[in-house]
C-alpha atoms as a PDB file:
ATOM      1  CA  MET A   1      13.451  15.083  11.834  1.00  0.00           C
ATOM      2  CA  LYS A   2      15.368  12.056  10.614  1.00  0.00           C
ATOM      3  CA  ILE A   3      14.615   8.371  11.080  1.00  0.00           C
ATOM      4  CA  ALA A   4      17.375   5.766  10.737  1.00  0.00           C
ATOM      5  CA  VAL A   5      15.965   2.671   9.050  1.00  0.00           C
ATOM      6  CA  ASP A   6      17.338  -0.862   9.031  1.00  0.00           C
ATOM      7  CA  ALA A   7      16.389  -1.518   5.403  1.00  0.00           C
ATOM      8  CA  MET A   8      17.569  -5.138   5.488  1.00  0.00           C
ATOM      9  CA  GLY A   9      15.632  -6.216   8.589  1.00  0.00           C
ATOM     10  CA  GLY A  10      12.436  -8.249   8.236  1.00  0.00           C
ATOM     11  CA  ASP A  11      11.052 -11.268   6.414  1.00  0.00           C
ATOM     12  CA  HIS A  12      10.259  -9.241   3.286  1.00  0.00           C
ATOM     13  CA  ALA A  13      13.120  -6.737   3.367  1.00  0.00           C
ATOM     14  CA  PRO A  14      14.172  -4.635   1.648  1.00  0.00           C
ATOM     15  CA  GLN A  15      11.184  -4.552  -0.750  1.00  0.00           C
ATOM     16  CA  VAL A  16       8.450  -3.972   1.840  1.00  0.00           C
ATOM     17  CA  ILE A  17      10.614  -1.644   3.931  1.00  0.00           C
ATOM     18  CA  VAL A  18      11.463   0.638   1.000  1.00  0.00           C
ATOM     19  CA  LYS A  19       7.872   0.709  -0.270  1.00  0.00           C
ATOM     20  CA  GLY A  20       6.528   1.511   3.194  1.00  0.00           C
ATOM     21  CA  ILE A  21       9.129   4.223   3.803  1.00  0.00           C
ATOM     22  CA  GLU A  22       8.254   5.940   0.511  1.00  0.00           C
ATOM     23  CA  ALA A  23       4.563   5.951   1.465  1.00  0.00           C
ATOM     24  CA  ALA A  24       5.385   7.281   4.950  1.00  0.00           C
ATOM     25  CA  ARG A  25       7.649   9.955   3.420  1.00  0.00           C
ATOM     26  CA  ASP A  26       4.769  11.171   1.279  1.00  0.00           C
ATOM     27  CA  ALA A  27       2.500  11.315   4.347  1.00  0.00           C
ATOM     28  CA  HIS A  28       4.967  13.258   6.529  1.00  0.00           C
ATOM     29  CA  PRO A  29       6.657  16.247   4.835  1.00  0.00           C
ATOM     30  CA  ASP A  30       8.669  16.947   7.999  1.00  0.00           C
ATOM     31  CA  LEU A  31      10.443  13.569   7.997  1.00  0.00           C
ATOM     32  CA  ASP A  32      13.707  12.545   6.319  1.00  0.00           C
ATOM     33  CA  PHE A  33      14.926   8.943   6.172  1.00  0.00           C
ATOM     34  CA  ILE A  34      18.337   7.287   6.170  1.00  0.00           C
ATOM     35  CA  LEU A  35      18.144   3.759   4.793  1.00  0.00           C
ATOM     36  CA  PHE A  36      20.996   1.533   5.953  1.00  0.00           C
ATOM     37  CA  GLY A  37      21.602  -1.492   3.734  1.00  0.00           C
ATOM     38  CA  ASP A  38      23.060  -2.935   0.569  1.00  0.00           C
ATOM     39  CA  PRO A  39      22.772  -0.201  -2.122  1.00  0.00           C
ATOM     40  CA  ALA A  40      22.632  -2.835  -4.880  1.00  0.00           C
ATOM     41  CA  LYS A  41      19.435  -4.201  -3.317  1.00  0.00           C
ATOM     42  CA  VAL A  42      17.903  -0.993  -1.950  1.00  0.00           C
ATOM     43  CA  LYS A  43      18.514   1.641  -4.619  1.00  0.00           C
ATOM     44  CA  PRO A  44      16.701  -0.147  -7.511  1.00  0.00           C
ATOM     45  CA  LEU A  45      13.573  -0.333  -5.358  1.00  0.00           C
ATOM     46  CA  LEU A  46      13.314   3.427  -4.834  1.00  0.00           C
ATOM     47  CA  GLN A  47      10.742   5.108  -7.030  1.00  0.00           C
ATOM     48  CA  ASN A  48      11.496   8.567  -5.636  1.00  0.00           C
ATOM     49  CA  ALA A  49      14.583   9.373  -3.557  1.00  0.00           C
ATOM     50  CA  GLU A  50      13.253  12.681  -2.212  1.00  0.00           C
ATOM     51  CA  ARG A  51      14.224  13.044   1.467  1.00  0.00           C
ATOM     52  CA  ILE A  52      15.674   9.514   1.436  1.00  0.00           C
ATOM     53  CA  THR A  53      19.412   8.840   1.777  1.00  0.00           C
ATOM     54  CA  ILE A  54      21.048   5.440   1.392  1.00  0.00           C
ATOM     55  CA  GLU A  55      23.995   4.538   3.622  1.00  0.00           C
ATOM     56  CA  ALA A  56      25.922   1.496   2.386  1.00  0.00           C
ATOM     57  CA  THR A  57      26.442  -1.419   4.780  1.00  0.00           C
ATOM     58  CA  SER A  58      28.184  -4.726   4.165  1.00  0.00           C
ATOM     59  CA  GLU A  59      26.570  -7.015   6.744  1.00  0.00           C
ATOM     60  CA  GLU A  60      23.139  -8.215   7.851  1.00  0.00           C
ATOM     61  CA  ILE A  61      21.949  -9.641  11.170  1.00  0.00           C
ATOM     62  CA  GLU A  62      19.762 -12.670  10.508  1.00  0.00           C
ATOM     63  CA  MET A  63      16.627 -13.480  12.498  1.00  0.00           C
ATOM     64  CA  GLY A  64      18.128 -16.520  14.224  1.00  0.00           C
ATOM     65  CA  GLU A  65      21.416 -14.989  15.368  1.00  0.00           C
ATOM     66  CA  GLU A  66      22.322 -14.560  19.033  1.00  0.00           C
ATOM     67  CA  PRO A  67      21.545 -10.863  19.661  1.00  0.00           C
ATOM     68  CA  VAL A  68      24.436  -9.516  21.750  1.00  0.00           C
ATOM     69  CA  ARG A  69      27.064 -11.486  19.842  1.00  0.00           C
ATOM     70  CA  ALA A  70      25.591 -10.292  16.537  1.00  0.00           C
ATOM     71  CA  ILE A  71      25.676  -6.571  17.346  1.00  0.00           C
ATOM     72  CA  ARG A  72      29.223  -6.868  18.698  1.00  0.00           C
ATOM     73  CA  LYS A  73      30.527  -8.881  15.757  1.00  0.00           C
ATOM     74  CA  LYS A  74      28.659  -7.252  12.876  1.00  0.00           C
ATOM     75  CA  LYS A  75      29.557  -3.588  13.349  1.00  0.00           C
ATOM     76  CA  ASP A  76      28.764  -2.767   9.711  1.00  0.00           C
ATOM     77  CA  SER A  77      25.325  -4.385   9.730  1.00  0.00           C
ATOM     78  CA  SER A  78      22.322  -2.291   8.729  1.00  0.00           C
ATOM     79  CA  LEU A  79      20.820  -2.728  12.200  1.00  0.00           C
ATOM     80  CA  VAL A  80      23.901  -1.638  14.138  1.00  0.00           C
ATOM     81  CA  ARG A  81      24.683   1.278  11.813  1.00  0.00           C
ATOM     82  CA  ALA A  82      21.105   2.594  12.119  1.00  0.00           C
ATOM     83  CA  ALA A  83      21.290   2.475  15.912  1.00  0.00           C
ATOM     84  CA  GLN A  84      24.723   4.129  15.808  1.00  0.00           C
ATOM     85  CA  ALA A  85      23.294   7.000  13.760  1.00  0.00           C
ATOM     86  CA  VAL A  86      20.891   7.764  16.592  1.00  0.00           C
ATOM     87  CA  LYS A  87      23.675   7.611  19.177  1.00  0.00           C
ATOM     88  CA  GLU A  88      25.801  10.003  17.111  1.00  0.00           C
ATOM     89  CA  GLY A  89      22.906  12.433  16.664  1.00  0.00           C
ATOM     90  CA  THR A  90      22.631  12.149  12.877  1.00  0.00           C
ATOM     91  CA  ALA A  91      19.160  10.591  13.297  1.00  0.00           C
ATOM     92  CA  ASP A  92      16.375  11.135  15.824  1.00  0.00           C
ATOM     93  CA  ALA A  93      14.824   7.648  15.892  1.00  0.00           C
ATOM     94  CA  PHE A  94      15.613   4.044  14.940  1.00  0.00           C
ATOM     95  CA  PHE A  95      13.254   1.693  13.087  1.00  0.00           C
ATOM     96  CA  SER A  96      13.696  -1.979  12.202  1.00  0.00           C
ATOM     97  CA  ALA A  97      11.622  -5.084  11.477  1.00  0.00           C
ATOM     98  CA  GLY A  98      14.603  -7.360  12.089  1.00  0.00           C
ATOM     99  CA  ASN A  99      15.885  -9.604  14.877  1.00  0.00           C
ATOM    100  CA  THR A 100      13.975  -8.594  18.026  1.00  0.00           C
ATOM    101  CA  GLY A 101      16.748  -9.462  20.453  1.00  0.00           C
ATOM    102  CA  ALA A 102      19.345  -7.599  18.382  1.00  0.00           C
ATOM    103  CA  ILE A 103      17.114  -4.504  18.230  1.00  0.00           C
ATOM    104  CA  LEU A 104      16.684  -4.594  22.014  1.00  0.00           C
ATOM    105  CA  ALA A 105      20.429  -5.070  22.523  1.00  0.00           C
ATOM    106  CA  ALA A 106      21.272  -2.256  20.086  1.00  0.00           C
ATOM    107  CA  GLY A 107      18.772   0.018  21.793  1.00  0.00           C
ATOM    108  CA  LEU A 108      20.194  -0.720  25.222  1.00  0.00           C
ATOM    109  CA  PHE A 109      23.934  -0.794  24.450  1.00  0.00           C
ATOM    110  CA  ILE A 110      24.162   1.675  21.559  1.00  0.00           C
ATOM    111  CA  VAL A 111      21.306   4.193  21.882  1.00  0.00           C
ATOM    112  CA  GLY A 112      21.403   3.956  25.682  1.00  0.00           C
ATOM    113  CA  ARG A 113      19.039   4.265  28.631  1.00  0.00           C
ATOM    114  CA  ILE A 114      17.619   7.471  30.030  1.00  0.00           C
ATOM    115  CA  LYS A 115      19.483   8.206  33.242  1.00  0.00           C
ATOM    116  CA  GLY A 116      17.368   6.981  36.144  1.00  0.00           C
ATOM    117  CA  ILE A 117      15.752   4.139  34.201  1.00  0.00           C
ATOM    118  CA  ASP A 118      16.862   0.778  35.555  1.00  0.00           C
ATOM    119  CA  ARG A 119      15.473  -1.351  32.693  1.00  0.00           C
ATOM    120  CA  PRO A 120      13.656  -0.240  29.540  1.00  0.00           C
ATOM    121  CA  GLY A 121      10.349  -1.956  28.836  1.00  0.00           C
ATOM    122  CA  LEU A 122       9.180  -3.366  25.511  1.00  0.00           C
ATOM    123  CA  THR A 123       5.837  -1.706  24.893  1.00  0.00           C
ATOM    124  CA  SER A 124       2.967  -2.691  22.624  1.00  0.00           C
ATOM    125  CA  VAL A 125      -0.256  -0.862  21.811  1.00  0.00           C
ATOM    126  CA  LEU A 126      -3.135  -3.341  21.754  1.00  0.00           C
ATOM    127  CA  PRO A 127      -6.768  -2.997  20.659  1.00  0.00           C
ATOM    128  CA  VAL A 128      -9.772  -2.874  22.938  1.00  0.00           C
ATOM    129  CA  ALA A 129     -12.200  -5.462  21.601  1.00  0.00           C
ATOM    130  CA  LEU A 130     -15.343  -4.591  23.560  1.00  0.00           C
ATOM    131  CA  PRO A 131     -17.231  -1.286  23.979  1.00  0.00           C
ATOM    132  CA  ASN A 132     -16.499   0.232  27.379  1.00  0.00           C
ATOM    133  CA  PRO A 133     -17.767   3.197  29.439  1.00  0.00           C
ATOM    134  CA  ALA A 134     -14.443   5.051  29.115  1.00  0.00           C
ATOM    135  CA  GLY A 135     -14.559   4.859  25.317  1.00  0.00           C
ATOM    136  CA  ALA A 136     -11.044   3.397  25.111  1.00  0.00           C
ATOM    137  CA  THR A 137     -10.107   1.824  21.776  1.00  0.00           C
ATOM    138  CA  ARG A 138      -6.520   0.785  22.580  1.00  0.00           C
ATOM    139  CA  PHE A 139      -4.184   0.475  25.543  1.00  0.00           C
ATOM    140  CA  VAL A 140      -0.470   0.419  26.385  1.00  0.00           C
ATOM    141  CA  TYR A 141       0.992  -2.935  27.459  1.00  0.00           C
ATOM    142  CA  LEU A 142       4.441  -3.391  29.015  1.00  0.00           C
ATOM    143  CA  ASP A 143       6.827  -5.069  29.546  1.00  0.00           C
ATOM    144  CA  SER A 144       5.856  -7.421  26.737  1.00  0.00           C
ATOM    145  CA  GLY A 145       9.102  -9.366  26.613  1.00  0.00           C
ATOM    146  CA  ALA A 146      12.312  -7.379  27.141  1.00  0.00           C
ATOM    147  CA  ASN A 147      12.847  -8.518  30.760  1.00  0.00           C
ATOM    148  CA  ALA A 148      11.977 -12.069  31.810  1.00  0.00           C
ATOM    149  CA  GLU A 149      12.720 -11.192  35.433  1.00  0.00           C
ATOM    150  CA  SER A 150      11.949  -7.855  37.069  1.00  0.00           C
ATOM    151  CA  LYS A 151      12.081  -6.137  40.442  1.00  0.00           C
ATOM    152  CA  GLU A 152       9.317  -4.131  42.084  1.00  0.00           C
ATOM    153  CA  LYS A 153      10.950  -0.835  41.103  1.00  0.00           C
ATOM    154  CA  ASN A 154      11.062  -1.943  37.448  1.00  0.00           C
ATOM    155  CA  LEU A 155       7.285  -2.344  37.281  1.00  0.00           C
ATOM    156  CA  LEU A 156       6.831   1.021  38.996  1.00  0.00           C
ATOM    157  CA  GLN A 157       9.026   2.557  36.279  1.00  0.00           C
ATOM    158  CA  PHE A 158       7.095   0.664  33.583  1.00  0.00           C
ATOM    159  CA  ALA A 159       3.907   2.223  34.927  1.00  0.00           C
ATOM    160  CA  GLN A 160       5.404   5.718  34.654  1.00  0.00           C
ATOM    161  CA  LEU A 161       6.777   5.018  31.166  1.00  0.00           C
ATOM    162  CA  GLY A 162       3.395   3.714  30.072  1.00  0.00           C
ATOM    163  CA  ARG A 163       1.644   6.719  31.594  1.00  0.00           C
ATOM    164  CA  PHE A 164       3.798   9.153  29.599  1.00  0.00           C
ATOM    165  CA  TYR A 165       3.312   7.182  26.391  1.00  0.00           C
ATOM    166  CA  ALA A 166      -0.465   6.926  26.797  1.00  0.00           C
ATOM    167  CA  SER A 167      -0.848  10.617  27.589  1.00  0.00           C
ATOM    168  CA  GLN A 168       1.621  12.110  25.097  1.00  0.00           C
ATOM    169  CA  VAL A 169       1.409   9.709  22.142  1.00  0.00           C
ATOM    170  CA  LEU A 170      -2.132   8.328  22.435  1.00  0.00           C
ATOM    171  CA  GLY A 171      -3.646  11.504  23.879  1.00  0.00           C
ATOM    172  CA  VAL A 172      -5.241   9.866  26.939  1.00  0.00           C
ATOM    173  CA  LYS A 173      -5.889  12.256  29.811  1.00  0.00           C
ATOM    174  CA  ASN A 174      -4.909  10.861  33.226  1.00  0.00           C
ATOM    175  CA  PRO A 175      -4.389   7.268  31.979  1.00  0.00           C
ATOM    176  CA  ARG A 176      -5.791   4.453  34.116  1.00  0.00           C
ATOM    177  CA  VAL A 177      -2.968   2.120  35.170  1.00  0.00           C
ATOM    178  CA  ALA A 178      -3.529  -1.531  36.121  1.00  0.00           C
ATOM    179  CA  LEU A 179      -1.322  -4.435  37.216  1.00  0.00           C
ATOM    180  CA  LEU A 180      -1.661  -7.761  35.399  1.00  0.00           C
ATOM    181  CA  ASN A 181      -2.339 -10.346  38.101  1.00  0.00           C
ATOM    182  CA  ASN A 182      -4.168 -13.613  38.732  1.00  0.00           C
ATOM    183  CA  GLY A 183      -7.106 -11.905  40.392  1.00  0.00           C
ATOM    184  CA  GLY A 184      -8.733  -8.520  40.785  1.00  0.00           C
ATOM    185  CA  GLU A 185      -8.555  -8.370  44.576  1.00  0.00           C
ATOM    186  CA  GLU A 186      -5.757  -6.425  46.270  1.00  0.00           C
ATOM    187  CA  ASP A 187      -4.439  -9.472  48.156  1.00  0.00           C
ATOM    188  CA  LYS A 188      -4.147 -11.677  45.055  1.00  0.00           C
ATOM    189  CA  GLY A 189      -0.876 -12.925  43.604  1.00  0.00           C
ATOM    190  CA  ASP A 190       2.489 -13.986  44.967  1.00  0.00           C
ATOM    191  CA  SER A 191       4.618 -11.837  47.261  1.00  0.00           C
ATOM    192  CA  PHE A 192       6.174 -10.043  44.284  1.00  0.00           C
ATOM    193  CA  HIS A 193       2.853  -8.950  42.769  1.00  0.00           C
ATOM    194  CA  LYS A 194       1.452  -7.989  46.169  1.00  0.00           C
ATOM    195  CA  ALA A 195       4.483  -5.767  46.772  1.00  0.00           C
ATOM    196  CA  VAL A 196       4.187  -4.192  43.316  1.00  0.00           C
ATOM    197  CA  HIS A 197       0.489  -3.536  43.911  1.00  0.00           C
ATOM    198  CA  GLN A 198       1.286  -1.602  47.080  1.00  0.00           C
ATOM    199  CA  GLU A 199       4.023   0.454  45.384  1.00  0.00           C
ATOM    200  CA  LEU A 200       1.734   1.376  42.499  1.00  0.00           C
ATOM    201  CA  LYS A 201      -1.033   2.242  44.947  1.00  0.00           C
ATOM    202  CA  ALA A 202       1.307   4.508  46.917  1.00  0.00           C
ATOM    203  CA  ALA A 203       2.522   6.416  43.828  1.00  0.00           C
ATOM    204  CA  GLY A 204       0.667   9.707  44.079  1.00  0.00           C
ATOM    205  CA  ASP A 205       1.073  10.679  40.409  1.00  0.00           C
ATOM    206  CA  LEU A 206      -0.354   7.409  39.053  1.00  0.00           C
ATOM    207  CA  ASN A 207      -4.050   6.829  38.432  1.00  0.00           C
ATOM    208  CA  PHE A 208      -3.731   3.242  39.662  1.00  0.00           C
ATOM    209  CA  ILE A 209      -7.010   1.315  39.459  1.00  0.00           C
ATOM    210  CA  GLY A 210      -5.787  -2.034  40.829  1.00  0.00           C
ATOM    211  CA  ASN A 211      -5.306  -5.500  39.366  1.00  0.00           C
ATOM    212  CA  ILE A 212      -6.544  -6.793  36.049  1.00  0.00           C
ATOM    213  CA  GLU A 213      -6.800 -10.441  34.981  1.00  0.00           C
ATOM    214  CA  ALA A 214      -5.514 -11.763  31.659  1.00  0.00           C
ATOM    215  CA  SER A 215      -9.086 -12.604  30.608  1.00  0.00           C
ATOM    216  CA  GLU A 216      -9.920  -8.879  30.805  1.00  0.00           C
ATOM    217  CA  LEU A 217      -6.959  -7.522  28.835  1.00  0.00           C
ATOM    218  CA  LEU A 218      -8.993  -6.501  25.788  1.00  0.00           C
ATOM    219  CA  HIS A 219     -11.999  -5.176  27.731  1.00  0.00           C
ATOM    220  CA  GLY A 220     -10.777  -1.571  27.951  1.00  0.00           C
ATOM    221  CA  LYS A 221     -10.656  -1.471  31.741  1.00  0.00           C
ATOM    222  CA  ALA A 222      -7.235   0.232  31.764  1.00  0.00           C
ATOM    223  CA  ASP A 223      -5.196   2.514  29.510  1.00  0.00           C
ATOM    224  CA  VAL A 224      -1.880   1.094  30.723  1.00  0.00           C
ATOM    225  CA  VAL A 225      -1.315  -2.499  31.841  1.00  0.00           C
ATOM    226  CA  VAL A 226       2.020  -3.339  33.467  1.00  0.00           C
ATOM    227  CA  SER A 227       3.672  -6.670  34.222  1.00  0.00           C
ATOM    228  CA  ASP A 228       6.997  -8.441  34.254  1.00  0.00           C
ATOM    229  CA  GLY A 229       8.105  -9.478  30.770  1.00  0.00           C
ATOM    230  CA  TRP A 230       7.654 -13.226  31.256  1.00  0.00           C
ATOM    231  CA  THR A 231       4.058 -12.980  32.486  1.00  0.00           C
ATOM    232  CA  ALA A 232       3.022 -10.291  30.005  1.00  0.00           C
ATOM    233  CA  ASN A 233       4.521 -12.131  27.041  1.00  0.00           C
ATOM    234  CA  ALA A 234       2.862 -15.418  28.026  1.00  0.00           C
ATOM    235  CA  ALA A 235      -0.519 -13.722  28.476  1.00  0.00           C
ATOM    236  CA  LEU A 236      -0.179 -11.892  25.152  1.00  0.00           C
ATOM    237  CA  LYS A 237       0.684 -15.062  23.238  1.00  0.00           C
ATOM    238  CA  ALA A 238      -2.189 -16.938  24.880  1.00  0.00           C
ATOM    239  CA  THR A 239      -4.591 -14.156  23.874  1.00  0.00           C
ATOM    240  CA  GLU A 240      -3.283 -14.079  20.297  1.00  0.00           C
ATOM    241  CA  GLY A 241      -3.421 -17.864  20.085  1.00  0.00           C
ATOM    242  CA  THR A 242      -7.007 -17.976  21.307  1.00  0.00           C
ATOM    243  CA  ALA A 243      -8.048 -15.362  18.750  1.00  0.00           C
ATOM    244  CA  LYS A 244      -6.430 -17.352  15.923  1.00  0.00           C
ATOM    245  CA  VAL A 245      -8.100 -20.587  17.053  1.00  0.00           C
ATOM    246  CA  MET A 246     -11.511 -18.902  17.194  1.00  0.00           C
ATOM    247  CA  LEU A 247     -11.078 -17.553  13.663  1.00  0.00           C
ATOM    248  CA  LYS A 248     -10.121 -21.020  12.409  1.00  0.00           C
ATOM    249  CA  LEU A 249     -13.140 -22.571  14.159  1.00  0.00           C
ATOM    250  CA  ILE A 250     -15.453 -20.009  12.544  1.00  0.00           C
ATOM    251  CA  LYS A 251     -13.864 -20.573   9.127  1.00  0.00           C
ATOM    252  CA  ASN A 252     -14.151 -24.354   9.437  1.00  0.00           C
ATOM    253  CA  GLY A 253     -17.750 -24.021  10.616  1.00  0.00           C
ATOM    254  CA  ILE A 254     -18.611 -21.974   7.535  1.00  0.00           C
ATOM    255  CA  MET A 255     -16.816 -24.306   5.117  1.00  0.00           C
ATOM    256  CA  GLU A 256     -18.426 -27.394   6.621  1.00  0.00           C
ATOM    257  CA  GLY A 257     -21.834 -25.853   7.278  1.00  0.00           C
ATOM    258  CA  GLY A 258     -23.221 -26.192   3.805  1.00  0.00           C
ATOM    259  CA  LEU A 259     -24.990 -23.638   1.637  1.00  0.00           C
ATOM    260  CA  ARG A 260     -26.812 -21.931   4.507  1.00  0.00           C
ATOM    261  CA  ALA A 261     -23.572 -21.227   6.372  1.00  0.00           C
ATOM    262  CA  LYS A 262     -21.886 -19.870   3.239  1.00  0.00           C
ATOM    263  CA  LEU A 263     -24.826 -17.569   2.499  1.00  0.00           C
ATOM    264  CA  GLY A 264     -24.725 -16.354   6.093  1.00  0.00           C
ATOM    265  CA  TYR A 265     -21.033 -15.550   5.693  1.00  0.00           C
ATOM    266  CA  LEU A 266     -21.740 -13.392   2.642  1.00  0.00           C
ATOM    267  CA  PHE A 267     -24.161 -11.279   4.672  1.00  0.00           C
ATOM    268  CA  LEU A 268     -21.704 -11.055   7.590  1.00  0.00           C
ATOM    269  CA  LYS A 269     -18.595 -10.428   5.502  1.00  0.00           C
ATOM    270  CA  PRO A 270     -18.435  -6.668   6.361  1.00  0.00           C
ATOM    271  CA  VAL A 271     -18.595  -7.578  10.045  1.00  0.00           C
ATOM    272  CA  PHE A 272     -15.720 -10.054   9.729  1.00  0.00           C
ATOM    273  CA  LYS A 273     -13.641  -7.444   7.880  1.00  0.00           C
ATOM    274  CA  LYS A 274     -14.263  -4.920  10.654  1.00  0.00           C
ATOM    275  CA  ILE A 275     -13.207  -7.427  13.308  1.00  0.00           C
ATOM    276  CA  ALA A 276     -10.097  -8.393  11.329  1.00  0.00           C
ATOM    277  CA  LYS A 277      -9.083  -4.732  11.021  1.00  0.00           C
ATOM    278  CA  LEU A 278      -9.640  -4.177  14.748  1.00  0.00           C
ATOM    279  CA  MET A 279      -7.574  -7.195  15.767  1.00  0.00           C
ATOM    280  CA  THR A 280      -4.671  -6.709  13.326  1.00  0.00           C
ATOM    281  CA  PRO A 281      -1.639  -5.615  15.422  1.00  0.00           C
ATOM    282  CA  ALA A 282       0.008  -3.933  12.408  1.00  0.00           C
ATOM    283  CA  ASN A 283      -2.654  -1.203  12.475  1.00  0.00           C
ATOM    284  CA  TYR A 284      -1.342   0.005  15.845  1.00  0.00           C
ATOM    285  CA  GLY A 285       2.334   0.406  14.934  1.00  0.00           C
ATOM    286  CA  GLY A 286       5.360  -1.417  16.281  1.00  0.00           C
ATOM    287  CA  ALA A 287       6.707  -2.330  19.692  1.00  0.00           C
ATOM    288  CA  VAL A 288       8.591   0.515  21.398  1.00  0.00           C
ATOM    289  CA  LEU A 289      11.520   0.068  23.767  1.00  0.00           C
ATOM    290  CA  LEU A 290      10.533   2.744  26.273  1.00  0.00           C
ATOM    291  CA  GLY A 291      13.124   4.210  28.597  1.00  0.00           C
ATOM    292  CA  LEU A 292      15.801   4.915  25.978  1.00  0.00           C
ATOM    293  CA  LYS A 293      17.297   8.265  24.952  1.00  0.00           C
ATOM    294  CA  ALA A 294      15.491   8.174  21.581  1.00  0.00           C
ATOM    295  CA  PRO A 295      12.593   6.280  19.987  1.00  0.00           C
ATOM    296  CA  VAL A 296      13.569   2.692  19.141  1.00  0.00           C
ATOM    297  CA  VAL A 297      10.667   0.927  17.450  1.00  0.00           C
ATOM    298  CA  LYS A 298      10.422  -2.620  16.117  1.00  0.00           C
ATOM    299  CA  ALA A 299       7.848  -3.749  13.552  1.00  0.00           C
ATOM    300  CA  HIS A 300       6.862  -7.408  13.222  1.00  0.00           C
ATOM    301  CA  GLY A 301       9.220  -9.451  11.067  1.00  0.00           C
ATOM    302  CA  ALA A 302       6.361 -10.244   8.679  1.00  0.00           C
ATOM    303  CA  ALA A 303       5.333  -6.575   8.429  1.00  0.00           C
ATOM    304  CA  ASP A 304       3.802  -5.430   5.156  1.00  0.00           C
ATOM    305  CA  GLU A 305       3.791  -1.931   3.666  1.00  0.00           C
ATOM    306  CA  LYS A 306       0.818  -0.818   5.783  1.00  0.00           C
ATOM    307  CA  ALA A 307       2.533  -1.979   8.950  1.00  0.00           C
ATOM    308  CA  VAL A 308       5.668  -0.006   8.058  1.00  0.00           C
ATOM    309  CA  VAL A 309       3.598   3.141   7.455  1.00  0.00           C
ATOM    310  CA  ALA A 310       1.707   2.670  10.737  1.00  0.00           C
ATOM    311  CA  THR A 311       4.997   2.305  12.606  1.00  0.00           C
ATOM    312  CA  ILE A 312       6.443   5.461  11.048  1.00  0.00           C
ATOM    313  CA  ASP A 313       3.219   7.293  11.997  1.00  0.00           C
ATOM    314  CA  GLN A 314       3.850   6.110  15.542  1.00  0.00           C
ATOM    315  CA  ILE A 315       7.473   7.311  15.537  1.00  0.00           C
ATOM    316  CA  HIS A 316       6.390  10.666  14.086  1.00  0.00           C
ATOM    317  CA  GLN A 317       3.954  11.120  16.971  1.00  0.00           C
ATOM    318  CA  MET A 318       6.671  10.220  19.480  1.00  0.00           C
ATOM    319  CA  LEU A 319       9.038  12.789  17.985  1.00  0.00           C
ATOM    320  CA  THR A 320       6.519  15.618  17.708  1.00  0.00           C
ATOM    321  CA  SER A 321       5.077  15.031  21.185  1.00  0.00           C
ATOM    322  CA  GLY A 322       8.507  15.079  22.850  1.00  0.00           C
ATOM    323  CA  VAL A 323       7.603  12.046  24.963  1.00  0.00           C
ATOM    324  CA  VAL A 324      11.238  10.952  25.339  1.00  0.00           C
ATOM    325  CA  GLN A 325      12.325  14.389  26.582  1.00  0.00           C
ATOM    326  CA  GLN A 326       9.402  14.585  29.010  1.00  0.00           C
ATOM    327  CA  THR A 327      10.152  11.110  30.322  1.00  0.00           C
ATOM    328  CA  GLY A 328      13.784  12.069  30.829  1.00  0.00           C
ATOM    329  CA  ALA A 329      12.773  15.211  32.701  1.00  0.00           C
ATOM    330  CA  TYR A 330      10.626  13.115  35.053  1.00  0.00           C
ATOM    331  CA  PHE A 331      13.342  10.587  35.904  1.00  0.00           C
ATOM    332  CA  GLN A 332      16.187  13.117  36.184  1.00  0.00           C
ATOM    333  CA  PRO A 333      14.463  16.341  37.260  1.00  0.00           C
ATOM    334  CA  GLU A 334      17.491  17.996  38.881  1.00  0.00           C
ATOM    335  CA  GLU A 335      19.700  17.437  35.837  1.00  0.00           C
ATOM    336  CA  SER A 336      16.946  18.646  33.507  1.00  0.00           C
ATOM    337  CA  LYS A 337      16.382  21.738  35.643  1.00  0.00           C
ATOM    338  CA  GLN A 338      20.112  22.507  35.544  1.00  0.00           C
ATOM    339  CA  THR A 339      20.078  22.195  31.745  1.00  0.00           C
ATOM    340  CA  VAL A 340      17.157  24.621  31.514  1.00  0.00           C
ATOM    341  CA  ASP A 341      18.851  27.070  33.899  1.00  0.00           C
ATOM    342  CA  ASN A 342      22.121  26.976  31.919  1.00  0.00           C
ATOM    343  CA  SER A 343      20.229  27.563  28.666  1.00  0.00           C
ATOM    344  CA  ALA A 344      18.476  30.578  30.178  1.00  0.00           C
ATOM    345  CA  GLU A 345      21.800  32.046  31.346  1.00  0.00           C
ATOM    346  CA  ASN A 346      23.327  31.614  27.889  1.00  0.00           C
END
């Protein structure tokens, strides 16, 4: 299996990208990597080129560039060339820590949608912060920002995409699916969310458990939480912002609390480290654009080596589980059946 890597994408590229890819290569003997980028910058960073190929590119897409214009104008950029490798079949998955909008555009216009999928959904795996009866430690969250506006059928498809990802990649049996809403009751929300609730409820192959409020996102009540991209992204940023503020308040309280507070921190330091590890998004891999013909995964722009390795682990699980193929078979069953029948005849 080969992964096409945008070696120039990210705040700390290519140094962090190359270092992370080498560590991931050592962890996965069944993976090969194609690094797209400037050879003069990438090659000197390689300690061991085993199962790593460098493909020279002459352009880079910067973080602030307009996405669609960038991928159309910069055909020889590391990002576009990596996506093109997946389209042409020379790679099985695409990884980048670069411009989010450009990655989404390249995934949609170059890699392409699975037939039957109206809009792919940007998917994040988030931690469960509190112990829960189901024993869940993480959950699938989509659409976290690819589509600011969505239709009812889009959220129904997001639920199915999330169900496949949770079951095949995270190993959750019969994932619990919930709708992000402004109340837990069935009649809560505007007309759009009420209609989506009824469609999810009527889907016989979904384990739909109802609505979930933003305040309960990290409680482990659901394995898949679906929403339109605008609402989900706003709720996610509010949650992240609250967590950062709380950490700053605790830090300030310790620094201003005198000797007793500082001694208390020393005793609680292992606890703080455990919480920090739990709440670090990088430990759960990158954001996946589900609904495409191949895995397209984006790491955070500020990703470090560990985040790169975690994202490659995630892509490896997607490839070995066959989640993309199974999703395609669900959304285009007749075409998939015909393919199987033709293979059997040959």
